[in-house]
Amino acid sequence: MGKGGQGNEVEGENMAAWLVAKDTLKIMPFKLPPLGPYDVRVRMKAVGICGSDVHYLKEMRIAHFVVKEPMVIGHECAGVIEEVGAGVTQLAAGDRVALEPGISCWRCRHCKGGRYNLCADMKFFATPPYHGSLADQIVHPADLCFKLPDNVSLEEGAMCEPLSVGVHACRRAEVGPEKGVLIMGAGPIGLVTMLSARAFGAPRIVVADVDEHRLSVARSLGADATVVVSAAEGDLAAEVERIQAAMGDGGGGEIDVTLDCAGFSKSMSTALEATRPGGRVCLVGMGCNQMTVPLTSAAIREVDVVGIFRYKDTWPLCIEFLRSGKVDVKPLITHRFGFSQKEVEDAFEVSARGRDAIKVMFNL
């Protein structure tokens, strides 16, 4: 699992952005592994910053994943193939590709059953101890590199990774043309989940968030209605009523599916209470590890609760959504940076600050 180089190449060296300590990223040489028969070497062209990248930078850990030694950051990526292994037949040098960042074992029960995202031996970009893709070049399995159509840019290709979360969530939640959908949270994942729900045919989508600016972005991207909520538990009943009314306005429908893209006790409680009897709630966001939620109330209304972990088999559909225009991720890319030491530091600062930054993208 290697990665690596362009504008920063020093005397032919492949350079990468290494997380070396809290709040410290350094562009340093990154040695690529040998090219295996079924691998490709890819020159990175577009790499996005994810909230998890920022979290690792600030805390050096996420849950039980702890950064114990310097690690190359980044996992939302696309690039151009420079070299292919002897056994690779479906790709060639010069192909533009989007990369799926997780390498599963393909031997365990989960992999054999098609749920490879649950593989315990997953090697995932920029998840300790595995290096990521914010580098000049990387080496990656060819079957995890997906060729981009001519009308899909490399930046859009990199956006397939966050979009995949939304697509996988919509599959798990069984979103479709007869389902009114509520999205809790209008951050980057909430927005791609909203775009995915529309592509899956949801006729009416309501988005709730604590931040009016984020809700204005959701409206600009096609939300049918938005509701400002608070973080206070005491406001739950009144907010559920307002959210249900927003779903009814002009649609006459109930909330069939709620996708909680925030992942806090309050957002999940709202999701469970707002969803109709017999509906479904999908927990997407991971705002906290433990929640106190009204499960009994949801259970007696037979509200199904499912969760997601990353995604599986999503890149072909994401690319088709982008190719066909069913999903437009371009408005989500709000900031762009090059690949120098200062720009890497500035980009992560902008991403961490949030505010008007939705997706911060590196152009290598």
Protein backbone atom coordinates (compact mmCIF):
# COMPACT_ATOMS: atom_id res chain seq x y z
CA MET A 1 0.00 0.00 0.00
CA GLY A 2 2.12 2.86 -1.16
CA LYS A 3 1.65 6.41 -2.22
CA GLY A 4 3.58 9.35 -3.61
CA GLY A 5 4.68 12.37 -6.38
CA GLN A 6 4.79 15.63 -8.60
CA GLY A 7 5.46 19.36 -8.11
CA ASN A 8 7.29 18.56 -4.88
CA GLU A 9 9.61 15.93 -6.30
CA VAL A 10 13.15 16.64 -5.20
CA GLU A 11 15.82 14.94 -7.29
CA GLY A 12 13.28 12.37 -8.40
CA GLU A 13 11.95 11.73 -4.89
CA ASN A 14 8.28 11.08 -4.32
CA MET A 15 6.92 13.54 -1.75
CA ALA A 16 3.92 13.27 0.57
CA ALA A 17 2.20 15.18 3.37
CA TRP A 18 3.07 13.40 6.61
CA LEU A 19 1.21 13.79 9.89
CA VAL A 20 4.13 13.82 12.33
CA ALA A 21 2.57 15.24 15.52
CA LYS A 22 -0.51 17.09 16.74
CA ASP A 23 -1.18 20.07 14.47
CA THR A 24 1.98 19.27 12.49
CA LEU A 25 2.09 18.23 8.84
CA LYS A 26 5.33 18.06 6.89
CA ILE A 27 5.99 17.39 3.21
CA MET A 28 8.70 14.75 3.18
CA PRO A 29 9.94 11.97 0.87
CA PHE A 30 7.69 8.92 0.62
CA LYS A 31 9.17 5.69 -0.70
CA LEU A 32 6.81 3.71 -2.89
CA PRO A 33 6.56 -0.07 -2.61
CA PRO A 34 7.38 -2.24 -5.64
CA LEU A 35 4.66 -2.39 -8.29
CA GLY A 36 2.89 -5.74 -7.99
CA PRO A 37 1.46 -7.55 -11.02
CA TYR A 38 -2.07 -6.33 -10.27
CA ASP A 39 -1.12 -2.84 -9.03
CA VAL A 40 -0.96 0.53 -10.73
CA ARG A 41 1.17 3.57 -9.98
CA VAL A 42 -0.94 6.70 -9.96
CA ARG A 43 0.12 10.33 -10.05
CA MET A 44 -2.23 12.12 -7.70
CA LYS A 45 -4.05 15.11 -9.17
CA ALA A 46 -6.92 15.86 -6.79
CA VAL A 47 -7.11 15.07 -3.06
CA GLY A 48 -9.87 16.33 -0.76
CA ILE A 49 -9.70 16.93 2.98
CA CYS A 50 -12.13 14.90 5.08
CA GLY A 51 -13.24 15.65 8.63
CA SER A 52 -11.40 12.52 9.74
CA ASP A 53 -8.13 13.92 8.33
CA VAL A 54 -8.62 17.06 10.41
CA HIS A 55 -9.51 14.98 13.47
CA TYR A 56 -6.30 12.96 13.17
CA LEU A 57 -4.34 16.21 12.81
CA LYS A 58 -5.91 17.66 15.96
CA GLU A 59 -6.10 14.56 18.14
CA MET A 60 -3.76 11.95 16.57
CA ARG A 61 -6.54 9.41 16.97
CA ILE A 62 -10.13 8.50 16.09
CA ALA A 63 -11.74 6.04 18.49
CA HIS A 64 -9.32 3.08 18.74
CA PHE A 65 -7.32 4.13 15.66
CA VAL A 66 -4.23 5.84 17.09
CA VAL A 67 -1.41 7.50 15.12
CA LYS A 68 1.71 6.07 16.77
CA GLU A 69 4.27 7.00 14.10
CA PRO A 70 4.37 9.46 11.17
CA MET A 71 1.59 8.75 8.64
CA VAL A 72 0.80 10.10 5.18
CA ILE A 73 -2.61 11.81 5.33
CA GLY A 74 -5.50 11.88 2.82
CA HIS A 75 -7.96 9.41 1.29
CA GLU A 76 -10.34 11.27 -1.06
CA CYS A 77 -8.43 11.11 -4.30
CA ALA A 78 -8.13 10.80 -8.05
CA GLY A 79 -5.21 10.86 -10.45
CA VAL A 80 -3.63 9.69 -13.68
CA ILE A 81 -2.09 6.24 -14.13
CA GLU A 82 1.63 6.31 -14.86
CA GLU A 83 2.41 2.60 -14.85
CA VAL A 84 0.51 -0.69 -14.67
CA GLY A 85 1.54 -4.09 -13.34
CA ALA A 86 2.14 -7.00 -15.71
CA GLY A 87 -1.26 -8.56 -14.94
CA VAL A 88 -3.36 -5.40 -15.33
CA THR A 89 -5.49 -5.45 -18.47
CA GLN A 90 -8.39 -3.07 -17.77
CA LEU A 91 -6.32 0.08 -17.27
CA ALA A 92 -3.43 1.77 -19.08
CA ALA A 93 -0.97 4.59 -18.54
CA GLY A 94 -2.73 7.93 -19.07
CA ASP A 95 -6.11 6.77 -17.77
CA ARG A 96 -7.81 9.15 -15.33
CA VAL A 97 -9.06 7.24 -12.30
CA ALA A 98 -10.86 7.67 -9.00
CA LEU A 99 -9.45 5.53 -6.21
CA GLU A 100 -11.40 3.53 -3.63
CA PRO A 101 -9.17 3.84 -0.56
CA GLY A 102 -9.75 0.57 1.29
CA ILE A 103 -8.00 -2.71 0.55
CA SER A 104 -9.86 -5.63 2.14
CA CYS A 105 -8.54 -9.17 2.61
CA TRP A 106 -11.07 -10.91 0.29
CA ARG A 107 -10.71 -14.05 2.46
CA CYS A 108 -12.85 -13.43 5.55
CA ARG A 109 -16.55 -14.11 5.98
CA HIS A 110 -17.49 -10.45 5.43
CA CYS A 111 -15.48 -10.16 2.24
CA LYS A 112 -16.79 -13.44 0.84
CA GLY A 113 -20.33 -12.37 1.71
CA GLY A 114 -19.94 -9.11 -0.19
CA ARG A 115 -19.76 -6.84 2.86
CA TYR A 116 -16.07 -6.15 2.49
CA ASN A 117 -16.38 -2.77 4.23
CA LEU A 118 -16.68 -4.74 7.49
CA CYS A 119 -13.40 -6.61 6.93
CA ALA A 120 -11.34 -6.65 10.15
CA ASP A 121 -8.12 -6.61 8.12
CA MET A 122 -9.04 -3.59 5.99
CA LYS A 123 -6.06 -1.49 4.93
CA PHE A 124 -7.56 1.97 4.53
CA PHE A 125 -5.75 5.11 3.35
CA ALA A 126 -4.68 7.34 6.24
CA THR A 127 -6.07 5.08 8.93
CA PRO A 128 -3.23 4.01 11.23
CA PRO A 129 -0.98 2.23 10.55
CA TYR A 130 -1.62 2.64 6.79
CA HIS A 131 -0.46 5.61 4.74
CA GLY A 132 -2.80 7.83 2.79
CA SER A 133 -2.80 9.48 -0.62
CA LEU A 134 -1.84 13.15 -0.25
CA ALA A 135 1.32 12.49 -2.21
CA ASP A 136 2.82 12.95 -5.64
CA GLN A 137 2.35 9.29 -6.51
CA ILE A 138 0.94 6.17 -4.90
CA VAL A 139 0.75 2.46 -5.67
CA HIS A 140 -2.72 0.90 -5.41
CA PRO A 141 -4.53 -2.27 -6.59
CA ALA A 142 -5.86 -1.82 -10.12
CA ASP A 143 -9.29 -3.21 -9.21
CA LEU A 144 -9.76 -0.31 -6.76
CA CYS A 145 -9.08 2.29 -9.48
CA PHE A 146 -12.10 3.33 -11.55
CA LYS A 147 -11.74 4.99 -14.93
CA LEU A 148 -13.41 8.38 -15.22
CA PRO A 149 -15.56 9.35 -18.23
CA ASP A 150 -14.33 12.32 -20.27
CA ASN A 151 -16.98 14.64 -18.80
CA VAL A 152 -16.07 13.88 -15.17
CA SER A 153 -13.16 15.91 -13.78
CA LEU A 154 -10.44 14.62 -11.49
CA GLU A 155 -11.83 16.78 -8.67
CA GLU A 156 -15.23 15.15 -9.16
CA GLY A 157 -13.45 11.80 -9.16
CA ALA A 158 -11.96 12.58 -5.76
CA MET A 159 -15.47 13.49 -4.56
CA CYS A 160 -16.59 9.91 -5.25
CA GLU A 161 -15.24 9.02 -1.81
CA PRO A 162 -17.52 11.26 0.29
CA LEU A 163 -20.35 10.72 -2.20
CA SER A 164 -19.97 6.99 -1.61
CA VAL A 165 -20.96 7.49 2.02
CA GLY A 166 -24.21 9.07 0.90
CA VAL A 167 -24.87 6.38 -1.69
CA HIS A 168 -24.22 3.57 0.79
CA ALA A 169 -26.46 5.27 3.38
CA CYS A 170 -29.30 5.60 0.86
CA ARG A 171 -28.98 1.92 -0.05
CA ARG A 172 -29.06 0.87 3.61
CA ALA A 173 -32.00 3.19 4.31
CA GLU A 174 -33.86 1.97 1.19
CA VAL A 175 -34.38 5.47 -0.17
CA GLY A 176 -36.55 5.55 -3.29
CA PRO A 177 -39.18 7.41 -5.30
CA GLU A 178 -41.91 6.81 -2.73
CA LYS A 179 -39.91 7.85 0.33
CA GLY A 180 -40.00 11.25 2.00
CA VAL A 181 -36.52 11.81 3.44
CA LEU A 182 -35.25 13.81 6.42
CA ILE A 183 -31.55 14.60 6.64
CA MET A 184 -30.20 15.54 10.07
CA GLY A 185 -27.07 17.64 9.58
CA ALA A 186 -26.03 19.79 6.61
CA GLY A 187 -22.27 19.35 6.80
CA PRO A 188 -20.33 17.84 3.88
CA ILE A 189 -21.67 14.31 4.51
CA GLY A 190 -25.21 15.56 5.04
CA LEU A 191 -25.05 17.42 1.74
CA VAL A 192 -23.70 14.49 -0.30
CA THR A 193 -26.31 12.27 1.36
CA MET A 194 -28.99 14.75 0.32
CA LEU A 195 -27.70 14.75 -3.28
CA SER A 196 -27.63 10.94 -3.22
CA ALA A 197 -31.19 10.73 -1.88
CA ARG A 198 -32.38 12.91 -4.74
CA ALA A 199 -30.52 10.74 -7.25
CA PHE A 200 -32.19 7.69 -5.71
CA GLY A 201 -35.55 9.31 -6.48
CA ALA A 202 -36.64 10.79 -3.14
CA PRO A 203 -39.53 13.13 -4.03
CA ARG A 204 -39.23 15.41 -1.00
CA ILE A 205 -36.21 16.08 1.20
CA VAL A 206 -36.16 18.10 4.41
CA VAL A 207 -32.82 19.05 5.98
CA ALA A 208 -32.39 20.06 9.64
CA ASP A 209 -29.29 21.65 11.18
CA VAL A 210 -28.25 24.06 13.94
CA ASP A 211 -26.53 26.37 11.43
CA GLU A 212 -28.53 28.62 9.10
CA HIS A 213 -25.63 29.11 6.68
CA ARG A 214 -25.31 25.35 6.14
CA LEU A 215 -29.06 25.17 5.61
CA SER A 216 -28.86 27.90 2.99
CA VAL A 217 -26.29 25.76 1.16
CA ALA A 218 -28.66 22.77 1.41
CA ARG A 219 -31.45 24.86 -0.13
CA SER A 220 -29.19 26.00 -2.94
CA LEU A 221 -28.42 22.35 -3.67
CA GLY A 222 -32.07 21.38 -3.87
CA ALA A 223 -33.48 20.74 -0.40
CA ASP A 224 -37.26 21.13 -0.50
CA ALA A 225 -37.42 22.56 3.02
CA THR A 226 -35.02 23.28 5.87
CA VAL A 227 -35.54 23.54 9.61
CA VAL A 228 -33.25 25.23 12.13
CA VAL A 229 -32.90 23.09 15.26
CA SER A 230 -30.98 23.54 18.50
CA ALA A 231 -28.60 21.30 20.42
CA ALA A 232 -30.87 21.42 23.49
CA GLU A 233 -32.76 18.24 24.32
CA GLY A 234 -35.64 20.24 25.78
CA ASP A 235 -36.60 21.54 22.33
CA LEU A 236 -37.14 18.05 20.89
CA ALA A 237 -40.96 17.81 20.82
CA ALA A 238 -41.48 21.23 19.24
CA GLU A 239 -38.74 20.64 16.68
CA VAL A 240 -40.15 17.24 15.68
CA GLU A 241 -43.48 18.94 15.09
CA ARG A 242 -41.88 21.61 12.89
CA ILE A 243 -39.89 19.05 10.93
CA GLN A 244 -42.97 16.90 10.30
CA ALA A 245 -44.89 19.98 9.18
CA ALA A 246 -42.07 20.85 6.78
CA MET A 247 -42.27 17.39 5.23
CA GLY A 248 -46.02 17.78 4.82
CA ASP A 249 -45.91 21.21 3.17
CA GLY A 250 -46.63 20.72 -0.50
CA GLY A 251 -45.83 17.04 -0.29
CA GLY A 252 -48.59 15.78 1.96
CA GLY A 253 -46.23 13.06 3.07
CA GLU A 254 -44.71 11.60 6.19
CA ILE A 255 -41.05 11.09 6.99
CA ASP A 256 -40.41 7.60 5.69
CA VAL A 257 -36.63 7.66 6.07
CA THR A 258 -34.31 9.73 8.24
CA LEU A 259 -30.56 9.82 7.68
CA ASP A 260 -28.76 11.16 10.74
CA CYS A 261 -25.54 12.65 9.38
CA ALA A 262 -24.64 14.35 12.66
CA GLY A 263 -24.57 11.46 15.10
CA PHE A 264 -25.40 13.03 18.46
CA SER A 265 -28.00 12.04 21.06
CA LYS A 266 -30.17 15.01 20.09
CA SER A 267 -30.02 14.43 16.34
CA MET A 268 -30.68 10.70 16.70
CA SER A 269 -33.53 11.31 19.16
CA THR A 270 -35.05 13.73 16.66
CA ALA A 271 -34.64 11.17 13.88
CA LEU A 272 -36.33 8.40 15.86
CA GLU A 273 -39.23 10.59 16.99
CA ALA A 274 -39.85 12.30 13.62
CA THR A 275 -39.85 9.15 11.46
CA ARG A 276 -43.26 7.61 10.82
CA PRO A 277 -44.31 4.24 12.28
CA GLY A 278 -42.78 1.50 10.14
CA GLY A 279 -40.15 3.89 8.77
CA ARG A 280 -36.38 3.61 8.86
CA VAL A 281 -33.57 5.57 10.49
CA CYS A 282 -29.97 5.27 9.29
CA LEU A 283 -27.17 6.50 11.54
CA VAL A 284 -24.49 7.95 9.25
CA GLY A 285 -22.61 10.52 11.34
CA MET A 286 -20.35 9.62 14.24
CA GLY A 287 -20.56 12.72 16.44
CA CYS A 288 -20.18 10.73 19.66
CA ASN A 289 -19.53 7.17 20.78
CA GLN A 290 -22.44 6.80 23.19
CA MET A 291 -25.99 8.12 22.97
CA THR A 292 -29.11 8.25 25.09
CA VAL A 293 -32.07 7.94 22.73
CA PRO A 294 -35.81 7.02 22.91
CA LEU A 295 -35.44 3.49 21.58
CA THR A 296 -38.54 2.10 23.30
CA SER A 297 -40.75 4.71 21.66
CA ALA A 298 -39.20 3.88 18.28
CA ALA A 299 -39.48 0.12 18.86
CA ILE A 300 -43.21 0.15 19.60
CA ARG A 301 -43.69 2.08 16.34
CA GLU A 302 -41.51 -0.49 14.55
CA VAL A 303 -39.04 2.10 13.34
CA ASP A 304 -36.07 0.19 11.93
CA VAL A 305 -32.62 1.45 12.89
CA VAL A 306 -29.57 0.68 10.72
CA GLY A 307 -26.03 1.98 10.63
CA ILE A 308 -23.32 2.29 8.03
CA PHE A 309 -19.56 1.93 8.03
CA ARG A 310 -17.92 3.63 5.07
CA TYR A 311 -19.31 2.00 1.88
CA LYS A 312 -19.08 -0.93 -0.52
CA ASP A 313 -19.47 -1.27 -4.29
CA THR A 314 -20.28 2.40 -4.74
CA TRP A 315 -17.72 3.83 -7.18
CA PRO A 316 -19.41 2.67 -10.42
CA LEU A 317 -22.74 4.18 -9.34
CA CYS A 318 -21.13 7.40 -8.09
CA ILE A 319 -19.31 7.82 -11.39
CA GLU A 320 -22.54 7.18 -13.32
CA PHE A 321 -24.39 9.76 -11.19
CA LEU A 322 -21.65 12.28 -12.02
CA ARG A 323 -21.49 11.35 -15.71
CA SER A 324 -25.24 11.60 -16.19
CA GLY A 325 -25.60 14.82 -14.20
CA LYS A 326 -27.94 13.21 -11.63
CA VAL A 327 -25.49 14.44 -8.99
CA ASP A 328 -23.46 17.65 -9.20
CA VAL A 329 -20.72 17.78 -6.56
CA LYS A 330 -18.91 20.76 -8.07
CA PRO A 331 -20.65 23.37 -5.84
CA LEU A 332 -19.38 21.50 -2.76
CA ILE A 333 -15.74 22.27 -3.63
CA THR A 334 -15.34 25.66 -1.99
CA HIS A 335 -11.56 26.01 -1.58
CA ARG A 336 -8.57 24.89 -3.63
CA PHE A 337 -4.88 24.69 -2.73
CA GLY A 338 -1.66 23.53 -4.33
CA PHE A 339 0.79 21.05 -2.81
CA SER A 340 3.44 23.08 -0.98
CA GLN A 341 4.25 23.08 2.74
CA LYS A 342 2.47 26.39 3.32
CA GLU A 343 -0.55 25.47 1.21
CA VAL A 344 -0.99 22.14 3.00
CA GLU A 345 -0.95 23.94 6.36
CA ASP A 346 -3.31 26.66 5.12
CA ALA A 347 -5.72 24.15 3.58
CA PHE A 348 -6.07 22.17 6.79
CA GLU A 349 -6.55 25.38 8.74
CA VAL A 350 -9.38 26.43 6.41
CA SER A 351 -10.98 22.99 6.61
CA ALA A 352 -10.74 22.87 10.41
CA ARG A 353 -12.25 26.34 10.73
CA GLY A 354 -15.36 25.27 8.87
CA ARG A 355 -17.64 28.27 8.34
CA ASP A 356 -18.04 28.59 4.56
CA ALA A 357 -15.64 25.72 3.80
CA ILE A 358 -17.47 22.63 2.61
CA LYS A 359 -14.85 20.67 0.68
CA VAL A 360 -11.22 21.78 0.57
CA MET A 361 -9.39 20.29 -2.42
CA PHE A 362 -5.72 19.96 -3.28
CA ASN A 363 -4.70 20.23 -6.93
CA LEU A 364 -1.38 18.47 -7.35
